[in-house]
């Protein structure tokens, strides 16, 4: 996933855009809870967490709940 992120600008753009929108939406919120369906490795959240840590004042309380579907259907084992 890391290699794909580095060589394909679309992935980087999508994650960067999503993180910017989320950051703007919760700008003054003291608590943030994100639920990520199909989280996989969750590496897309690292830049977001770093940006929250750099914002002025006290960073918000952050909770990220990752839900990853490991069913046979999602793994492609069901025709």
PDB file of N, CA and C in Angstrom:
ATOM      1  N   UNK A   1       0.832  -1.198   0.000  1.00  0.00           N
ATOM      2  CA  UNK A   1       0.000   0.000   0.000  1.00  0.00           C
ATOM      3  C   UNK A   1       0.870   1.253   0.000  1.00  0.00           C
ATOM      4  N   UNK A   2       1.968   1.199   0.734  1.00  0.00           N
ATOM      5  CA  UNK A   2       2.861   2.358   0.801  1.00  0.00           C
ATOM      6  C   UNK A   2       3.438   2.680  -0.585  1.00  0.00           C
ATOM      7  N   UNK A   3       3.836   1.656  -1.320  1.00  0.00           N
ATOM      8  CA  UNK A   3       4.388   1.859  -2.658  1.00  0.00           C
ATOM      9  C   UNK A   3       3.318   2.457  -3.573  1.00  0.00           C
ATOM     10  N   UNK A   4       2.119   1.919  -3.521  1.00  0.00           N
ATOM     11  CA  UNK A   4       1.024   2.444  -4.333  1.00  0.00           C
ATOM     12  C   UNK A   4       0.765   3.915  -4.010  1.00  0.00           C
ATOM     13  N   UNK A   5       0.792   4.241  -2.749  1.00  0.00           N
ATOM     14  CA  UNK A   5       0.570   5.621  -2.305  1.00  0.00           C
ATOM     15  C   UNK A   5       1.640   6.553  -2.873  1.00  0.00           C
ATOM     16  N   UNK A   6       2.881   6.074  -2.900  1.00  0.00           N
ATOM     17  CA  UNK A   6       3.984   6.905  -3.373  1.00  0.00           C
ATOM     18  C   UNK A   6       4.003   7.069  -4.896  1.00  0.00           C
ATOM     19  N   UNK A   7       3.620   6.035  -5.636  1.00  0.00           N
ATOM     20  CA  UNK A   7       3.737   6.114  -7.091  1.00  0.00           C
ATOM     21  C   UNK A   7       2.464   6.595  -7.780  1.00  0.00           C
ATOM     22  N   UNK A   8       1.349   6.549  -7.100  1.00  0.00           N
ATOM     23  CA  UNK A   8       0.080   6.937  -7.715  1.00  0.00           C
ATOM     24  C   UNK A   8      -0.434   8.218  -7.053  1.00  0.00           C
ATOM     25  N   UNK A   9      -0.381   9.343  -7.753  1.00  0.00           N
ATOM     26  CA  UNK A   9      -0.789  10.609  -7.137  1.00  0.00           C
ATOM     27  C   UNK A   9      -2.264  10.667  -6.763  1.00  0.00           C
ATOM     28  N   UNK A  10      -3.089   9.827  -7.351  1.00  0.00           N
ATOM     29  CA  UNK A  10      -4.519   9.853  -7.043  1.00  0.00           C
ATOM     30  C   UNK A  10      -4.804   9.426  -5.607  1.00  0.00           C
ATOM     31  N   UNK A  11      -4.083   8.410  -5.133  1.00  0.00           N
ATOM     32  CA  UNK A  11      -4.267   7.968  -3.744  1.00  0.00           C
ATOM     33  C   UNK A  11      -3.861   9.075  -2.782  1.00  0.00           C
ATOM     34  N   UNK A  12      -2.714   9.671  -3.036  1.00  0.00           N
ATOM     35  CA  UNK A  12      -2.228  10.736  -2.158  1.00  0.00           C
ATOM     36  C   UNK A  12      -3.205  11.915  -2.164  1.00  0.00           C
ATOM     37  N   UNK A  13      -3.702  12.289  -3.349  1.00  0.00           N
ATOM     38  CA  UNK A  13      -4.661  13.386  -3.452  1.00  0.00           C
ATOM     39  C   UNK A  13      -5.945  13.070  -2.689  1.00  0.00           C
ATOM     40  N   UNK A  14      -6.440  11.854  -2.840  1.00  0.00           N
ATOM     41  CA  UNK A  14      -7.687  11.472  -2.165  1.00  0.00           C
ATOM     42  C   UNK A  14      -7.534  11.546  -0.645  1.00  0.00           C
ATOM     43  N   UNK A  15      -6.460  10.985  -0.123  1.00  0.00           N
ATOM     44  CA  UNK A  15      -6.259  11.013   1.333  1.00  0.00           C
ATOM     45  C   UNK A  15      -6.014  12.424   1.843  1.00  0.00           C
ATOM     46  N   UNK A  16      -5.217  13.192   1.112  1.00  0.00           N
ATOM     47  CA  UNK A  16      -4.930  14.563   1.532  1.00  0.00           C
ATOM     48  C   UNK A  16      -6.194  15.410   1.524  1.00  0.00           C
ATOM     49  N   UNK A  17      -7.009  15.259   0.489  1.00  0.00           N
ATOM     50  CA  UNK A  17      -8.267  16.014   0.406  1.00  0.00           C
ATOM     51  C   UNK A  17      -9.227  15.627   1.522  1.00  0.00           C
ATOM     52  N   UNK A  18      -9.381  14.335   1.743  1.00  0.00           N
ATOM     53  CA  UNK A  18     -10.280  13.864   2.804  1.00  0.00           C
ATOM     54  C   UNK A  18      -9.822  14.371   4.172  1.00  0.00           C
ATOM     55  N   UNK A  19      -8.516  14.305   4.424  1.00  0.00           N
ATOM     56  CA  UNK A  19      -7.997  14.774   5.713  1.00  0.00           C
ATOM     57  C   UNK A  19      -8.216  16.272   5.891  1.00  0.00           C
ATOM     58  N   UNK A  20      -8.054  17.052   4.824  1.00  0.00           N
ATOM     59  CA  UNK A  20      -8.268  18.500   4.910  1.00  0.00           C
ATOM     60  C   UNK A  20      -9.728  18.817   5.218  1.00  0.00           C
ATOM     61  N   UNK A  21     -10.641  18.107   4.584  1.00  0.00           N
ATOM     62  CA  UNK A  21     -12.068  18.326   4.826  1.00  0.00           C
ATOM     63  C   UNK A  21     -12.437  17.943   6.255  1.00  0.00           C
ATOM     64  N   UNK A  22     -11.933  16.818   6.727  1.00  0.00           N
ATOM     65  CA  UNK A  22     -12.204  16.398   8.108  1.00  0.00           C
ATOM     66  C   UNK A  22     -11.643  17.403   9.107  1.00  0.00           C
ATOM     67  N   UNK A  23     -10.430  17.847   8.870  1.00  0.00           N
ATOM     68  CA  UNK A  23      -9.801  18.802   9.778  1.00  0.00           C
ATOM     69  C   UNK A  23     -10.605  20.094   9.849  1.00  0.00           C
ATOM     70  N   UNK A  24     -11.079  20.564   8.704  1.00  0.00           N
ATOM     71  CA  UNK A  24     -11.888  21.785   8.674  1.00  0.00           C
ATOM     72  C   UNK A  24     -13.220  21.587   9.386  1.00  0.00           C
ATOM     73  N   UNK A  25     -13.852  20.440   9.208  1.00  0.00           N
ATOM     74  CA  UNK A  25     -15.160  20.168   9.808  1.00  0.00           C
ATOM     75  C   UNK A  25     -15.098  20.089  11.328  1.00  0.00           C
ATOM     76  N   UNK A  26     -13.967  19.654  11.855  1.00  0.00           N
ATOM     77  CA  UNK A  26     -13.880  19.506  13.310  1.00  0.00           C
ATOM     78  C   UNK A  26     -12.898  20.490  13.929  1.00  0.00           C
ATOM     79  N   UNK A  27     -12.756  21.633  13.283  1.00  0.00           N
ATOM     80  CA  UNK A  27     -11.758  22.624  13.673  1.00  0.00           C
ATOM     81  C   UNK A  27     -11.790  23.007  15.156  1.00  0.00           C
ATOM     82  N   UNK A  28     -12.946  23.274  15.709  1.00  0.00           N
ATOM     83  CA  UNK A  28     -13.041  23.731  17.104  1.00  0.00           C
ATOM     84  C   UNK A  28     -13.605  22.672  18.044  1.00  0.00           C
ATOM     85  N   UNK A  29     -13.688  21.457  17.592  1.00  0.00           N
ATOM     86  CA  UNK A  29     -14.282  20.389  18.405  1.00  0.00           C
ATOM     87  C   UNK A  29     -13.250  19.825  19.386  1.00  0.00           C
ATOM     88  N   UNK A  30     -13.635  19.670  20.664  1.00  0.00           N
ATOM     89  CA  UNK A  30     -12.694  19.125  21.648  1.00  0.00           C
ATOM     90  C   UNK A  30     -12.572  17.601  21.579  1.00  0.00           C
ATOM     91  N   UNK A  31     -13.577  16.933  20.979  1.00  0.00           N
ATOM     92  CA  UNK A  31     -13.562  15.473  20.879  1.00  0.00           C
ATOM     93  C   UNK A  31     -13.951  15.066  19.461  1.00  0.00           C
ATOM     94  N   UNK A  32     -13.225  14.078  18.932  1.00  0.00           N
ATOM     95  CA  UNK A  32     -13.493  13.603  17.581  1.00  0.00           C
ATOM     96  C   UNK A  32     -13.491  12.079  17.597  1.00  0.00           C
ATOM     97  N   UNK A  33     -14.534  11.488  17.012  1.00  0.00           N
ATOM     98  CA  UNK A  33     -14.594  10.031  16.879  1.00  0.00           C
ATOM     99  C   UNK A  33     -14.819   9.712  15.408  1.00  0.00           C
ATOM    100  N   UNK A  34     -13.875   9.023  14.811  1.00  0.00           N
ATOM    101  CA  UNK A  34     -13.949   8.642  13.403  1.00  0.00           C
ATOM    102  C   UNK A  34     -14.184   7.138  13.339  1.00  0.00           C
ATOM    103  N   UNK A  35     -15.152   6.727  12.522  1.00  0.00           N
ATOM    104  CA  UNK A  35     -15.399   5.312  12.276  1.00  0.00           C
ATOM    105  C   UNK A  35     -15.005   5.048  10.830  1.00  0.00           C
ATOM    106  N   UNK A  36     -14.031   4.178  10.639  1.00  0.00           N
ATOM    107  CA  UNK A  36     -13.490   3.891   9.309  1.00  0.00           C
ATOM    108  C   UNK A  36     -13.849   2.460   8.926  1.00  0.00           C
ATOM    109  N   UNK A  37     -14.762   2.326   7.980  1.00  0.00           N
ATOM    110  CA  UNK A  37     -15.110   1.007   7.457  1.00  0.00           C
ATOM    111  C   UNK A  37     -14.070   0.625   6.409  1.00  0.00           C
ATOM    112  N   UNK A  38     -13.634  -0.613   6.440  1.00  0.00           N
ATOM    113  CA  UNK A  38     -12.564  -1.095   5.552  1.00  0.00           C
ATOM    114  C   UNK A  38     -11.252  -0.357   5.823  1.00  0.00           C
ATOM    115  N   UNK A  39     -10.864  -0.293   7.079  1.00  0.00           N
ATOM    116  CA  UNK A  39      -9.686   0.471   7.479  1.00  0.00           C
ATOM    117  C   UNK A  39      -8.378  -0.116   6.945  1.00  0.00           C
ATOM    118  N   UNK A  40      -8.330  -1.421   6.711  1.00  0.00           N
ATOM    119  CA  UNK A  40      -7.106  -2.077   6.235  1.00  0.00           C
ATOM    120  C   UNK A  40      -5.963  -1.776   7.200  1.00  0.00           C
ATOM    121  N   UNK A  41      -4.911  -1.106   6.734  1.00  0.00           N
ATOM    122  CA  UNK A  41      -3.755  -0.830   7.594  1.00  0.00           C
ATOM    123  C   UNK A  41      -3.927   0.443   8.417  1.00  0.00           C
ATOM    124  N   UNK A  42      -4.787   1.335   7.982  1.00  0.00           N
ATOM    125  CA  UNK A  42      -5.013   2.572   8.727  1.00  0.00           C
ATOM    126  C   UNK A  42      -3.931   3.616   8.549  1.00  0.00           C
ATOM    127  N   UNK A  43      -3.009   3.389   7.642  1.00  0.00           N
ATOM    128  CA  UNK A  43      -1.879   4.309   7.474  1.00  0.00           C
ATOM    129  C   UNK A  43      -2.309   5.679   6.957  1.00  0.00           C
ATOM    130  N   UNK A  44      -3.505   5.780   6.400  1.00  0.00           N
ATOM    131  CA  UNK A  44      -3.972   7.073   5.899  1.00  0.00           C
ATOM    132  C   UNK A  44      -4.222   8.060   7.031  1.00  0.00           C
ATOM    133  N   UNK A  45      -4.318   7.564   8.260  1.00  0.00           N
ATOM    134  CA  UNK A  45      -4.620   8.449   9.379  1.00  0.00           C
ATOM    135  C   UNK A  45      -3.385   9.123   9.964  1.00  0.00           C
ATOM    136  N   UNK A  46      -2.198   8.649   9.652  1.00  0.00           N
ATOM    137  CA  UNK A  46      -0.971   9.211  10.231  1.00  0.00           C
ATOM    138  C   UNK A  46      -0.838  10.711   9.932  1.00  0.00           C
ATOM    139  N   UNK A  47      -0.948  11.160   8.672  1.00  0.00           N
ATOM    140  CA  UNK A  47      -0.844  12.612   8.422  1.00  0.00           C
ATOM    141  C   UNK A  47      -1.949  13.423   9.103  1.00  0.00           C
ATOM    142  N   UNK A  48      -3.134  12.846   9.203  1.00  0.00           N
ATOM    143  CA  UNK A  48      -4.241  13.532   9.872  1.00  0.00           C
ATOM    144  C   UNK A  48      -3.937  13.740  11.357  1.00  0.00           C
ATOM    145  N   UNK A  49      -3.452  12.708  12.004  1.00  0.00           N
ATOM    146  CA  UNK A  49      -3.105  12.809  13.431  1.00  0.00           C
ATOM    147  C   UNK A  49      -1.977  13.808  13.634  1.00  0.00           C
ATOM    148  N   UNK A  50      -1.001  13.808  12.745  1.00  0.00           N
ATOM    149  CA  UNK A  50       0.099  14.767  12.838  1.00  0.00           C
ATOM    150  C   UNK A  50      -0.402  16.197  12.680  1.00  0.00           C
ATOM    151  N   UNK A  51      -1.358  16.418  11.778  1.00  0.00           N
ATOM    152  CA  UNK A  51      -1.892  17.773  11.598  1.00  0.00           C
ATOM    153  C   UNK A  51      -2.684  18.227  12.820  1.00  0.00           C
ATOM    154  N   UNK A  52      -3.387  17.296  13.469  1.00  0.00           N
ATOM    155  CA  UNK A  52      -4.101  17.648  14.703  1.00  0.00           C
ATOM    156  C   UNK A  52      -3.121  18.029  15.807  1.00  0.00           C
ATOM    157  N   UNK A  53      -2.007  17.335  15.875  1.00  0.00           N
ATOM    158  CA  UNK A  53      -1.005  17.618  16.907  1.00  0.00           C
ATOM    159  C   UNK A  53      -0.360  18.992  16.703  1.00  0.00           C
ATOM    160  N   UNK A  54      -0.316  19.459  15.463  1.00  0.00           N
ATOM    161  CA  UNK A  54       0.307  20.755  15.157  1.00  0.00           C
ATOM    162  C   UNK A  54      -0.656  21.934  15.294  1.00  0.00           C
ATOM    163  N   UNK A  55      -1.939  21.672  15.444  1.00  0.00           N
ATOM    164  CA  UNK A  55      -2.866  22.803  15.494  1.00  0.00           C
ATOM    165  C   UNK A  55      -2.705  23.554  16.812  1.00  0.00           C
ATOM    166  N   UNK A  56      -2.962  24.878  16.783  1.00  0.00           N
ATOM    167  CA  UNK A  56      -2.774  25.689  17.991  1.00  0.00           C
ATOM    168  C   UNK A  56      -3.712  25.252  19.120  1.00  0.00           C
ATOM    169  N   UNK A  57      -3.255  25.455  20.319  1.00  0.00           N
ATOM    170  CA  UNK A  57      -4.062  25.081  21.479  1.00  0.00           C
ATOM    171  C   UNK A  57      -3.910  23.606  21.805  1.00  0.00           C
ATOM    172  N   UNK A  58      -4.873  23.110  22.531  1.00  0.00           N
ATOM    173  CA  UNK A  58      -4.855  21.714  22.961  1.00  0.00           C
ATOM    174  C   UNK A  58      -5.435  20.841  21.850  1.00  0.00           C
ATOM    175  N   UNK A  59      -4.728  19.790  21.463  1.00  0.00           N
ATOM    176  CA  UNK A  59      -5.299  18.899  20.443  1.00  0.00           C
ATOM    177  C   UNK A  59      -6.560  18.227  20.975  1.00  0.00           C
ATOM    178  N   UNK A  60      -7.478  17.863  20.096  1.00  0.00           N
ATOM    179  CA  UNK A  60      -8.709  17.228  20.548  1.00  0.00           C
ATOM    180  C   UNK A  60      -8.465  15.798  21.008  1.00  0.00           C
ATOM    181  N   UNK A  61      -9.386  15.297  21.803  1.00  0.00           N
ATOM    182  CA  UNK A  61      -9.387  13.880  22.129  1.00  0.00           C
ATOM    183  C   UNK A  61      -9.815  13.165  20.861  1.00  0.00           C
ATOM    184  N   UNK A  62      -9.034  12.206  20.424  1.00  0.00           N
ATOM    185  CA  UNK A  62      -9.302  11.535  19.155  1.00  0.00           C
ATOM    186  C   UNK A  62      -9.487  10.043  19.369  1.00  0.00           C
ATOM    187  N   UNK A  63     -10.557   9.518  18.795  1.00  0.00           N
ATOM    188  CA  UNK A  63     -10.814   8.082  18.805  1.00  0.00           C
ATOM    189  C   UNK A  63     -11.069   7.655  17.369  1.00  0.00           C
ATOM    190  N   UNK A  64     -10.323   6.662  16.903  1.00  0.00           N
ATOM    191  CA  UNK A  64     -10.545   6.105  15.573  1.00  0.00           C
ATOM    192  C   UNK A  64     -10.939   4.651  15.745  1.00  0.00           C
ATOM    193  N   UNK A  65     -12.128   4.317  15.291  1.00  0.00           N
ATOM    194  CA  UNK A  65     -12.604   2.941  15.323  1.00  0.00           C
ATOM    195  C   UNK A  65     -12.484   2.370  13.923  1.00  0.00           C
ATOM    196  N   UNK A  66     -11.694   1.335  13.778  1.00  0.00           N
ATOM    197  CA  UNK A  66     -11.507   0.707  12.474  1.00  0.00           C
ATOM    198  C   UNK A  66     -12.295  -0.581  12.376  1.00  0.00           C
ATOM    199  N   UNK A  67     -13.041  -0.720  11.309  1.00  0.00           N
ATOM    200  CA  UNK A  67     -13.820  -1.925  11.065  1.00  0.00           C
ATOM    201  C   UNK A  67     -13.330  -2.509   9.749  1.00  0.00           C
ATOM    202  N   UNK A  68     -12.810  -3.722   9.810  1.00  0.00           N
ATOM    203  CA  UNK A  68     -12.274  -4.361   8.616  1.00  0.00           C
ATOM    204  C   UNK A  68     -13.023  -5.665   8.389  1.00  0.00           C
ATOM    205  N   UNK A  69     -13.630  -5.792   7.232  1.00  0.00           N
ATOM    206  CA  UNK A  69     -14.439  -6.961   6.897  1.00  0.00           C
ATOM    207  C   UNK A  69     -13.542  -8.072   6.358  1.00  0.00           C
ATOM    208  N   UNK A  70     -13.401  -9.133   7.111  1.00  0.00           N
ATOM    209  CA  UNK A  70     -12.594 -10.284   6.690  1.00  0.00           C
ATOM    210  C   UNK A  70     -13.476 -11.469   6.313  1.00  0.00           C
ATOM    211  N   UNK A  71     -14.696 -11.181   5.871  1.00  0.00           N
ATOM    212  CA  UNK A  71     -15.610 -12.250   5.495  1.00  0.00           C
ATOM    213  C   UNK A  71     -15.123 -12.918   4.212  1.00  0.00           C
ATOM    214  N   UNK A  72     -15.615 -14.080   3.941  1.00  0.00           N
ATOM    215  CA  UNK A  72     -15.247 -14.798   2.714  1.00  0.00           C
ATOM    216  C   UNK A  72     -15.616 -13.989   1.485  1.00  0.00           C
ATOM    217  N   UNK A  73     -16.711 -13.284   1.559  1.00  0.00           N
ATOM    218  CA  UNK A  73     -17.158 -12.477   0.422  1.00  0.00           C
ATOM    219  C   UNK A  73     -16.137 -11.383   0.105  1.00  0.00           C
ATOM    220  N   UNK A  74     -15.708 -10.637   1.126  1.00  0.00           N
ATOM    221  CA  UNK A  74     -14.768  -9.539   0.928  1.00  0.00           C
ATOM    222  C   UNK A  74     -13.385 -10.050   0.519  1.00  0.00           C
ATOM    223  N   UNK A  75     -13.023 -11.237   0.926  1.00  0.00           N
ATOM    224  CA  UNK A  75     -11.722 -11.800   0.564  1.00  0.00           C
ATOM    225  C   UNK A  75     -11.745 -12.454  -0.819  1.00  0.00           C
ATOM    226  N   UNK A  76     -12.902 -12.443  -1.475  1.00  0.00           N
ATOM    227  CA  UNK A  76     -13.011 -12.981  -2.823  1.00  0.00           C
ATOM    228  C   UNK A  76     -13.103 -14.490  -2.894  1.00  0.00           C
ATOM    229  N   UNK A  77     -13.469 -15.132  -1.794  1.00  0.00           N
ATOM    230  CA  UNK A  77     -13.532 -16.587  -1.770  1.00  0.00           C
ATOM    231  C   UNK A  77     -14.910 -17.116  -2.166  1.00  0.00           C
ATOM    232  N   UNK A  78     -15.861 -16.227  -2.364  1.00  0.00           N
ATOM    233  CA  UNK A  78     -17.220 -16.617  -2.726  1.00  0.00           C
ATOM    234  C   UNK A  78     -17.453 -16.136  -4.164  1.00  0.00           C
ATOM    235  N   UNK A  79     -17.868 -17.058  -5.038  1.00  0.00           N
ATOM    236  CA  UNK A  79     -18.061 -16.714  -6.448  1.00  0.00           C
ATOM    237  C   UNK A  79     -19.322 -16.011  -6.664  1.00  0.00           C
TER     238      UNK A  79
END
